[in-house]
């Protein structure tokens, strides 16, 4: 039984790690580090770097929340620990 919990948490932490890397990339890398380069391109009338810094990272964060809920529920069902 202990091995099942270890597998569950290993997969759960992998999901969290991937989502945090996506969030870091969208908010810090695209919104801060590459902002000047991305501003060469236009998106919805604004420079792409500015858009990521102001709105894009928030949209991606909300999508990450939905992805986390979906993937966590899927993992819970797979291991038989869902709340349903």
C-alpha atoms as a PDB file:
ATOM      1  CA  UNK A   1       0.000   0.000   0.000  1.00  0.00           C
ATOM      2  CA  UNK A   2       2.851   2.369   0.783  1.00  0.00           C
ATOM      3  CA  UNK A   3       4.239   1.925  -2.746  1.00  0.00           C
ATOM      4  CA  UNK A   4       0.910   3.077  -4.225  1.00  0.00           C
ATOM      5  CA  UNK A   5       1.050   6.294  -2.195  1.00  0.00           C
ATOM      6  CA  UNK A   6       4.611   6.868  -3.335  1.00  0.00           C
ATOM      7  CA  UNK A   7       3.585   6.408  -6.987  1.00  0.00           C
ATOM      8  CA  UNK A   8       0.598   8.709  -6.503  1.00  0.00           C
ATOM      9  CA  UNK A   9       2.666  11.523  -4.974  1.00  0.00           C
ATOM     10  CA  UNK A  10       5.466  11.090  -7.476  1.00  0.00           C
ATOM     11  CA  UNK A  11       3.020  11.583 -10.351  1.00  0.00           C
ATOM     12  CA  UNK A  12       1.237  14.396  -8.523  1.00  0.00           C
ATOM     13  CA  UNK A  13       4.510  16.256  -7.956  1.00  0.00           C
ATOM     14  CA  UNK A  14       5.433  15.730 -11.607  1.00  0.00           C
ATOM     15  CA  UNK A  15       2.160  17.385 -12.649  1.00  0.00           C
ATOM     16  CA  UNK A  16       2.837  20.288 -10.276  1.00  0.00           C
ATOM     17  CA  UNK A  17       6.401  20.670 -11.564  1.00  0.00           C
ATOM     18  CA  UNK A  18       5.355  20.803 -15.208  1.00  0.00           C
ATOM     19  CA  UNK A  19       2.606  23.335 -14.507  1.00  0.00           C
ATOM     20  CA  UNK A  20       4.956  25.512 -12.445  1.00  0.00           C
ATOM     21  CA  UNK A  21       7.533  25.490 -15.243  1.00  0.00           C
ATOM     22  CA  UNK A  22       4.823  26.594 -17.686  1.00  0.00           C
ATOM     23  CA  UNK A  23       3.765  29.366 -15.295  1.00  0.00           C
ATOM     24  CA  UNK A  24       7.370  30.495 -14.771  1.00  0.00           C
ATOM     25  CA  UNK A  25       7.979  30.535 -18.508  1.00  0.00           C
ATOM     26  CA  UNK A  26       4.832  32.511 -19.257  1.00  0.00           C
ATOM     27  CA  UNK A  27       5.193  35.058 -16.476  1.00  0.00           C
ATOM     28  CA  UNK A  28       8.916  35.523 -15.905  1.00  0.00           C
ATOM     29  CA  UNK A  29      10.604  34.513 -19.148  1.00  0.00           C
ATOM     30  CA  UNK A  30       8.045  35.854 -21.628  1.00  0.00           C
ATOM     31  CA  UNK A  31       6.781  38.733 -19.488  1.00  0.00           C
ATOM     32  CA  UNK A  32      10.090  40.046 -18.143  1.00  0.00           C
ATOM     33  CA  UNK A  33      13.208  38.602 -19.767  1.00  0.00           C
ATOM     34  CA  UNK A  34      12.058  38.456 -23.409  1.00  0.00           C
ATOM     35  CA  UNK A  35       9.698  41.434 -23.282  1.00  0.00           C
ATOM     36  CA  UNK A  36      11.850  43.659 -25.514  1.00  0.00           C
ATOM     37  CA  UNK A  37      12.289  40.959 -28.146  1.00  0.00           C
ATOM     38  CA  UNK A  38       8.592  40.006 -28.118  1.00  0.00           C
ATOM     39  CA  UNK A  39       7.504  43.644 -28.461  1.00  0.00           C
ATOM     40  CA  UNK A  40       8.609  43.435 -32.107  1.00  0.00           C
ATOM     41  CA  UNK A  41       5.454  41.430 -32.741  1.00  0.00           C
ATOM     42  CA  UNK A  42       1.935  42.830 -32.408  1.00  0.00           C
ATOM     43  CA  UNK A  43      -0.942  41.049 -30.690  1.00  0.00           C
ATOM     44  CA  UNK A  44      -4.360  42.653 -30.319  1.00  0.00           C
ATOM     45  CA  UNK A  45      -2.797  46.042 -31.058  1.00  0.00           C
ATOM     46  CA  UNK A  46      -0.056  45.779 -28.407  1.00  0.00           C
ATOM     47  CA  UNK A  47       3.489  44.519 -28.355  1.00  0.00           C
ATOM     48  CA  UNK A  48       3.486  40.799 -27.582  1.00  0.00           C
ATOM     49  CA  UNK A  49       5.910  41.233 -24.665  1.00  0.00           C
ATOM     50  CA  UNK A  50       3.730  43.931 -23.122  1.00  0.00           C
ATOM     51  CA  UNK A  51       0.648  41.762 -23.608  1.00  0.00           C
ATOM     52  CA  UNK A  52       2.283  38.792 -21.854  1.00  0.00           C
ATOM     53  CA  UNK A  53       3.441  41.003 -18.999  1.00  0.00           C
ATOM     54  CA  UNK A  54       0.028  42.592 -18.496  1.00  0.00           C
ATOM     55  CA  UNK A  55      -2.571  39.984 -19.460  1.00  0.00           C
ATOM     56  CA  UNK A  56      -1.140  36.879 -21.074  1.00  0.00           C
ATOM     57  CA  UNK A  57       0.435  35.501 -17.930  1.00  0.00           C
ATOM     58  CA  UNK A  58      -2.892  35.857 -16.082  1.00  0.00           C
ATOM     59  CA  UNK A  59      -4.782  34.004 -18.807  1.00  0.00           C
ATOM     60  CA  UNK A  60      -2.190  31.253 -18.775  1.00  0.00           C
ATOM     61  CA  UNK A  61      -2.385  31.093 -14.966  1.00  0.00           C
ATOM     62  CA  UNK A  62      -6.161  30.563 -15.127  1.00  0.00           C
ATOM     63  CA  UNK A  63      -5.680  27.847 -17.764  1.00  0.00           C
ATOM     64  CA  UNK A  64      -3.099  26.218 -15.504  1.00  0.00           C
ATOM     65  CA  UNK A  65      -5.634  26.149 -12.664  1.00  0.00           C
ATOM     66  CA  UNK A  66      -8.150  24.334 -14.874  1.00  0.00           C
ATOM     67  CA  UNK A  67      -5.453  21.951 -16.113  1.00  0.00           C
ATOM     68  CA  UNK A  68      -4.389  21.218 -12.521  1.00  0.00           C
ATOM     69  CA  UNK A  69      -7.955  20.441 -11.461  1.00  0.00           C
ATOM     70  CA  UNK A  70      -8.505  18.191 -14.469  1.00  0.00           C
ATOM     71  CA  UNK A  71      -5.201  16.328 -14.118  1.00  0.00           C
ATOM     72  CA  UNK A  72      -5.538  15.954 -10.344  1.00  0.00           C
ATOM     73  CA  UNK A  73      -9.055  14.552 -10.658  1.00  0.00           C
ATOM     74  CA  UNK A  74      -7.889  12.162 -13.368  1.00  0.00           C
ATOM     75  CA  UNK A  75      -5.001  11.008 -11.167  1.00  0.00           C
ATOM     76  CA  UNK A  76      -7.310  10.632  -8.151  1.00  0.00           C
ATOM     77  CA  UNK A  77      -9.685   8.429 -10.150  1.00  0.00           C
ATOM     78  CA  UNK A  78      -6.794   6.370 -11.463  1.00  0.00           C
ATOM     79  CA  UNK A  79      -5.539   5.636  -7.939  1.00  0.00           C
ATOM     80  CA  UNK A  80      -9.007   5.316  -6.404  1.00  0.00           C
ATOM     81  CA  UNK A  81      -8.728   8.260  -4.024  1.00  0.00           C
ATOM     82  CA  UNK A  82     -11.294  10.576  -5.615  1.00  0.00           C
ATOM     83  CA  UNK A  83     -13.859  12.399  -3.548  1.00  0.00           C
ATOM     84  CA  UNK A  84     -16.733  11.304  -5.794  1.00  0.00           C
END
